[in-house]
């Protein structure tokens, strides 16, 4: 005789609202601890990071009077806290991004899980690669803009504004490098086709050029193209992946049609 499942059993392992909240709290706690550890490390090395960030200004100061200024008593300390925060976010990114992904994955289907898994492990290195590209370009932008200052004049840079300028440039470029991953994801979800992606390549190049021109707020054409070239390459790489995916889907459809005919 078949036995009745025990009361409270959960064969499908469905989580209640309380279980979800407990799981969310656990994920947030792990992320917060990782961020806190990263911030401590960031605060310890904040002076070295700030030295690297102000290196272009030091170079400018060798040509004419230039300096970074602090407009109030606490600004220097606040700046170190900001550097520690953003350094902590970067250092702990693999951990808190994984916690977000691990919280979402149980609610996805097997196919959606595979797509999100590939998206996660492609987006993270591309974001860091974009940040590295922005880091490599911004000194040229600062030096170029300072070259318009006459030799007999002085350049005084607000520490907070200068840090925000560099940070936004690096993050914007990092996000720009992740955009091709969204194109591939939309293709895998059936929203756009490889033919549509390659058909819009001219508009894509124009958009990338405009994006890099905005991300590099200077007349430095070299820096703009230094960012645009890898982004164009990533766009065509996204098209190639979409092309392979569409061809594989077409083959499966043809095979299924042949089976139905026979």
Protein backbone atom coordinates (compact mmCIF):
# COMPACT_ATOMS: atom_id res chain seq x y z
CA UNK A 1 0.00 0.00 0.00
CA UNK A 2 1.33 3.38 -0.98
CA UNK A 3 2.25 5.61 1.88
CA UNK A 4 1.09 9.19 1.99
CA UNK A 5 3.80 11.79 2.00
CA UNK A 6 4.56 13.13 5.42
CA UNK A 7 2.94 16.43 6.31
CA UNK A 8 5.13 19.34 5.44
CA UNK A 9 7.15 17.40 2.87
CA UNK A 10 8.29 19.39 -0.17
CA UNK A 11 9.18 17.04 -3.00
CA UNK A 12 9.73 19.89 -5.47
CA UNK A 13 11.86 21.77 -2.95
CA UNK A 14 9.84 24.93 -3.39
CA UNK A 15 10.89 27.77 -1.14
CA UNK A 16 8.37 29.71 0.90
CA UNK A 17 8.45 33.49 1.15
CA UNK A 18 10.16 33.15 4.52
CA UNK A 19 12.80 30.86 2.99
CA UNK A 20 13.43 33.41 0.23
CA UNK A 21 13.84 36.19 2.77
CA UNK A 22 16.24 34.09 4.84
CA UNK A 23 18.22 33.24 1.70
CA UNK A 24 18.27 36.90 0.65
CA UNK A 25 19.50 37.93 4.09
CA UNK A 26 22.28 35.33 3.92
CA UNK A 27 23.36 36.50 0.46
CA UNK A 28 23.32 40.15 1.52
CA UNK A 29 25.33 39.35 4.65
CA UNK A 30 28.02 37.56 2.64
CA UNK A 31 28.12 40.45 0.16
CA UNK A 32 28.34 43.03 2.96
CA UNK A 33 31.21 41.17 4.63
CA UNK A 34 33.08 40.90 1.33
CA UNK A 35 32.51 44.62 0.68
CA UNK A 36 33.68 45.53 4.18
CA UNK A 37 36.87 43.49 3.79
CA UNK A 38 37.45 45.09 0.38
CA UNK A 39 36.93 48.57 1.87
CA UNK A 40 39.48 47.90 4.60
CA UNK A 41 42.00 46.83 1.99
CA UNK A 42 41.02 49.82 -0.14
CA UNK A 43 41.53 52.23 2.74
CA UNK A 44 44.98 50.79 3.45
CA UNK A 45 46.07 51.26 -0.15
CA UNK A 46 44.04 54.44 -0.83
CA UNK A 47 47.13 56.63 -0.63
CA UNK A 48 48.86 54.55 -3.32
CA UNK A 49 45.74 54.66 -5.51
CA UNK A 50 45.46 58.43 -5.10
CA UNK A 51 49.14 58.81 -6.02
CA UNK A 52 48.44 56.90 -9.24
CA UNK A 53 45.32 58.94 -9.97
CA UNK A 54 47.03 62.30 -9.57
CA UNK A 55 50.13 61.31 -11.57
CA UNK A 56 48.93 63.26 -14.67
CA UNK A 57 48.56 66.40 -12.55
CA UNK A 58 52.10 65.93 -11.23
CA UNK A 59 53.24 65.68 -14.85
CA UNK A 60 51.33 68.85 -15.73
CA UNK A 61 52.91 70.65 -12.74
CA UNK A 62 56.34 70.09 -14.29
CA UNK A 63 55.29 72.35 -17.19
CA UNK A 64 53.31 75.06 -15.39
CA UNK A 65 51.76 75.70 -12.00
CA UNK A 66 49.15 73.01 -11.29
CA UNK A 67 47.81 71.40 -8.14
CA UNK A 68 44.90 69.46 -6.67
CA UNK A 69 43.01 71.44 -4.04
CA UNK A 70 40.80 70.46 -1.10
CA UNK A 71 37.96 72.92 -0.62
CA UNK A 72 37.06 72.08 2.99
CA UNK A 73 38.57 70.55 6.12
CA UNK A 74 37.12 67.04 5.74
CA UNK A 75 37.44 66.67 1.96
CA UNK A 76 40.78 64.82 2.10
CA UNK A 77 39.38 62.26 4.55
CA UNK A 78 36.10 61.98 2.61
CA UNK A 79 38.10 61.34 -0.55
CA UNK A 80 40.01 58.48 1.07
CA UNK A 81 36.70 56.97 2.16
CA UNK A 82 35.39 57.23 -1.40
CA UNK A 83 38.50 55.56 -2.77
CA UNK A 84 38.14 52.82 -0.15
CA UNK A 85 34.45 52.31 -1.05
CA UNK A 86 34.99 52.02 -4.80
CA UNK A 87 38.10 49.88 -4.34
CA UNK A 88 36.09 47.61 -2.06
CA UNK A 89 33.31 47.37 -4.65
CA UNK A 90 35.81 46.35 -7.33
CA UNK A 91 37.72 43.87 -5.16
CA UNK A 92 34.54 42.22 -3.86
CA UNK A 93 32.72 42.30 -7.23
CA UNK A 94 33.22 38.58 -8.01
CA UNK A 95 31.69 37.69 -4.63
CA UNK A 96 28.65 39.99 -4.57
CA UNK A 97 27.92 39.43 -8.26
CA UNK A 98 27.99 35.68 -7.64
CA UNK A 99 25.64 36.10 -4.67
CA UNK A 100 23.16 37.97 -6.87
CA UNK A 101 23.45 35.33 -9.57
CA UNK A 102 23.10 32.45 -7.07
CA UNK A 103 19.96 34.04 -5.58
CA UNK A 104 18.30 34.41 -8.99
CA UNK A 105 19.32 31.07 -10.57
CA UNK A 106 16.99 28.73 -8.59
CA UNK A 107 13.98 30.53 -10.05
CA UNK A 108 15.10 30.11 -13.66
CA UNK A 109 14.47 27.30 -16.09
CA UNK A 110 17.35 25.08 -17.20
CA UNK A 111 17.71 26.97 -20.49
CA UNK A 112 17.51 30.40 -18.83
CA UNK A 113 20.04 29.23 -16.24
CA UNK A 114 22.52 28.29 -18.95
CA UNK A 115 22.12 31.69 -20.62
CA UNK A 116 22.50 33.59 -17.35
CA UNK A 117 25.54 31.48 -16.43
CA UNK A 118 27.26 32.37 -19.70
CA UNK A 119 26.21 36.00 -19.39
CA UNK A 120 27.65 36.29 -15.87
CA UNK A 121 31.02 34.76 -16.69
CA UNK A 122 31.35 36.83 -19.87
CA UNK A 123 30.17 40.17 -18.48
CA UNK A 124 32.48 40.27 -15.44
CA UNK A 125 35.83 39.98 -17.30
CA UNK A 126 34.60 42.30 -20.05
CA UNK A 127 33.63 44.91 -17.45
CA UNK A 128 37.06 44.72 -15.84
CA UNK A 129 38.66 44.84 -19.29
CA UNK A 130 36.69 48.00 -20.08
CA UNK A 131 37.72 49.55 -16.77
CA UNK A 132 41.34 48.77 -17.58
CA UNK A 133 40.94 50.42 -20.99
CA UNK A 134 39.46 53.52 -19.35
CA UNK A 135 42.29 53.53 -16.82
CA UNK A 136 44.81 53.43 -19.67
CA UNK A 137 43.19 56.32 -21.54
CA UNK A 138 42.27 58.91 -18.89
CA UNK A 139 45.84 60.24 -18.26
CA UNK A 140 46.04 61.25 -21.93
CA UNK A 141 42.72 63.07 -21.63
CA UNK A 142 43.80 65.01 -18.54
CA UNK A 143 47.11 65.98 -20.11
CA UNK A 144 45.44 67.00 -23.37
CA UNK A 145 42.88 69.24 -21.67
CA UNK A 146 45.62 70.82 -19.55
CA UNK A 147 47.59 71.63 -22.70
CA UNK A 148 45.03 74.35 -23.51
CA UNK A 149 46.01 76.26 -20.36
CA UNK A 150 48.52 79.04 -21.15
CA UNK A 151 51.98 78.62 -19.64
CA UNK A 152 51.67 81.79 -17.57
CA UNK A 153 48.40 80.64 -15.96
CA UNK A 154 47.77 78.11 -13.18
CA UNK A 155 45.57 75.01 -13.05
CA UNK A 156 43.72 74.28 -9.81
CA UNK A 157 41.75 71.03 -9.72
CA UNK A 158 39.14 70.26 -7.10
CA UNK A 159 40.03 66.90 -5.55
CA UNK A 160 36.40 65.71 -5.47
CA UNK A 161 35.66 66.80 -9.05
CA UNK A 162 38.89 65.28 -10.33
CA UNK A 163 38.17 61.93 -8.67
CA UNK A 164 34.57 61.89 -9.95
CA UNK A 165 35.79 62.67 -13.47
CA UNK A 166 38.25 59.76 -13.52
CA UNK A 167 35.83 57.35 -11.82
CA UNK A 168 32.93 58.09 -14.19
CA UNK A 169 35.17 57.71 -17.23
CA UNK A 170 36.45 54.30 -16.09
CA UNK A 171 32.98 52.99 -15.17
CA UNK A 172 31.34 54.26 -18.38
CA UNK A 173 33.95 52.50 -20.50
CA UNK A 174 33.56 49.34 -18.42
CA UNK A 175 29.80 49.34 -19.05
CA UNK A 176 30.40 49.99 -22.76
CA UNK A 177 32.47 46.83 -23.01
CA UNK A 178 29.61 44.78 -21.53
CA UNK A 179 26.99 45.95 -24.06
CA UNK A 180 27.92 43.30 -26.72
CA UNK A 181 27.07 40.62 -24.15
CA UNK A 182 23.52 42.01 -24.03
CA UNK A 183 23.38 41.73 -27.83
CA UNK A 184 24.30 38.04 -27.62
CA UNK A 185 21.79 37.48 -24.82
CA UNK A 186 19.00 39.07 -26.88
CA UNK A 187 19.94 36.80 -29.77
CA UNK A 188 19.82 33.69 -27.59
CA UNK A 189 16.41 34.75 -26.31
CA UNK A 190 15.19 35.14 -29.90
CA UNK A 191 14.70 38.91 -29.78
CA UNK A 192 17.26 39.79 -32.48
CA UNK A 193 18.83 37.68 -35.24
CA UNK A 194 22.41 37.54 -36.44
CA UNK A 195 21.24 38.97 -39.77
CA UNK A 196 19.73 41.93 -37.97
CA UNK A 197 22.93 42.48 -35.98
CA UNK A 198 25.20 42.48 -39.02
CA UNK A 199 22.68 44.54 -40.97
CA UNK A 200 22.97 47.33 -38.41
CA UNK A 201 26.79 47.37 -38.32
CA UNK A 202 27.03 50.88 -39.79
CA UNK A 203 24.70 52.29 -37.15
CA UNK A 204 26.58 50.33 -34.50
CA UNK A 205 29.89 51.89 -35.50
CA UNK A 206 28.32 55.36 -35.49
CA UNK A 207 26.84 54.67 -32.04
CA UNK A 208 30.16 53.37 -30.71
CA UNK A 209 31.96 56.43 -32.07
CA UNK A 210 29.45 58.78 -30.42
CA UNK A 211 29.64 56.79 -27.18
CA UNK A 212 33.44 56.94 -27.02
CA UNK A 213 33.36 60.64 -27.92
CA UNK A 214 31.06 61.26 -24.94
CA UNK A 215 33.06 58.94 -22.66
CA UNK A 216 36.26 60.80 -23.54
CA UNK A 217 35.24 64.46 -23.07
CA UNK A 218 38.22 65.86 -24.94
CA UNK A 219 39.45 66.52 -28.43
CA UNK A 220 41.82 63.56 -28.10
CA UNK A 221 41.05 61.54 -31.23
CA UNK A 222 43.70 58.96 -30.31
CA UNK A 223 41.99 58.14 -27.00
CA UNK A 224 38.58 57.99 -28.67
CA UNK A 225 39.72 55.46 -31.26
CA UNK A 226 41.71 53.55 -28.66
CA UNK A 227 38.38 52.83 -26.97
CA UNK A 228 36.30 52.49 -30.14
CA UNK A 229 38.45 49.81 -31.83
CA UNK A 230 38.01 47.10 -29.16
CA UNK A 231 34.29 47.94 -28.87
CA UNK A 232 33.83 47.50 -32.63
CA UNK A 233 35.72 44.21 -32.41
CA UNK A 234 33.43 43.06 -29.57
CA UNK A 235 30.36 44.00 -31.63
CA UNK A 236 31.46 41.81 -34.54
CA UNK A 237 32.43 39.06 -32.09
CA UNK A 238 28.87 39.24 -30.73
CA UNK A 239 27.53 38.95 -34.29
CA UNK A 240 29.72 35.89 -34.95
CA UNK A 241 28.45 34.15 -31.81
CA UNK A 242 24.87 35.01 -32.79
CA UNK A 243 25.55 33.67 -36.30
CA UNK A 244 26.76 30.34 -34.94
CA UNK A 245 23.75 30.16 -32.62
CA UNK A 246 21.23 30.93 -35.39
CA UNK A 247 22.84 28.33 -37.67
CA UNK A 248 22.65 25.70 -34.92
CA UNK A 249 18.99 26.56 -34.30
CA UNK A 250 18.24 26.32 -38.04
CA UNK A 251 19.85 22.88 -38.21
CA UNK A 252 17.77 21.64 -35.29
CA UNK A 253 14.60 22.98 -36.91
CA UNK A 254 15.46 21.29 -40.22
CA UNK A 255 16.20 18.01 -38.46
CA UNK A 256 12.92 18.19 -36.56
CA UNK A 257 11.01 18.98 -39.77
CA UNK A 258 12.62 16.01 -41.50
CA UNK A 259 11.59 13.71 -38.66
CA UNK A 260 8.00 14.95 -38.82
CA UNK A 261 7.86 14.41 -42.59
CA UNK A 262 9.14 10.84 -42.28
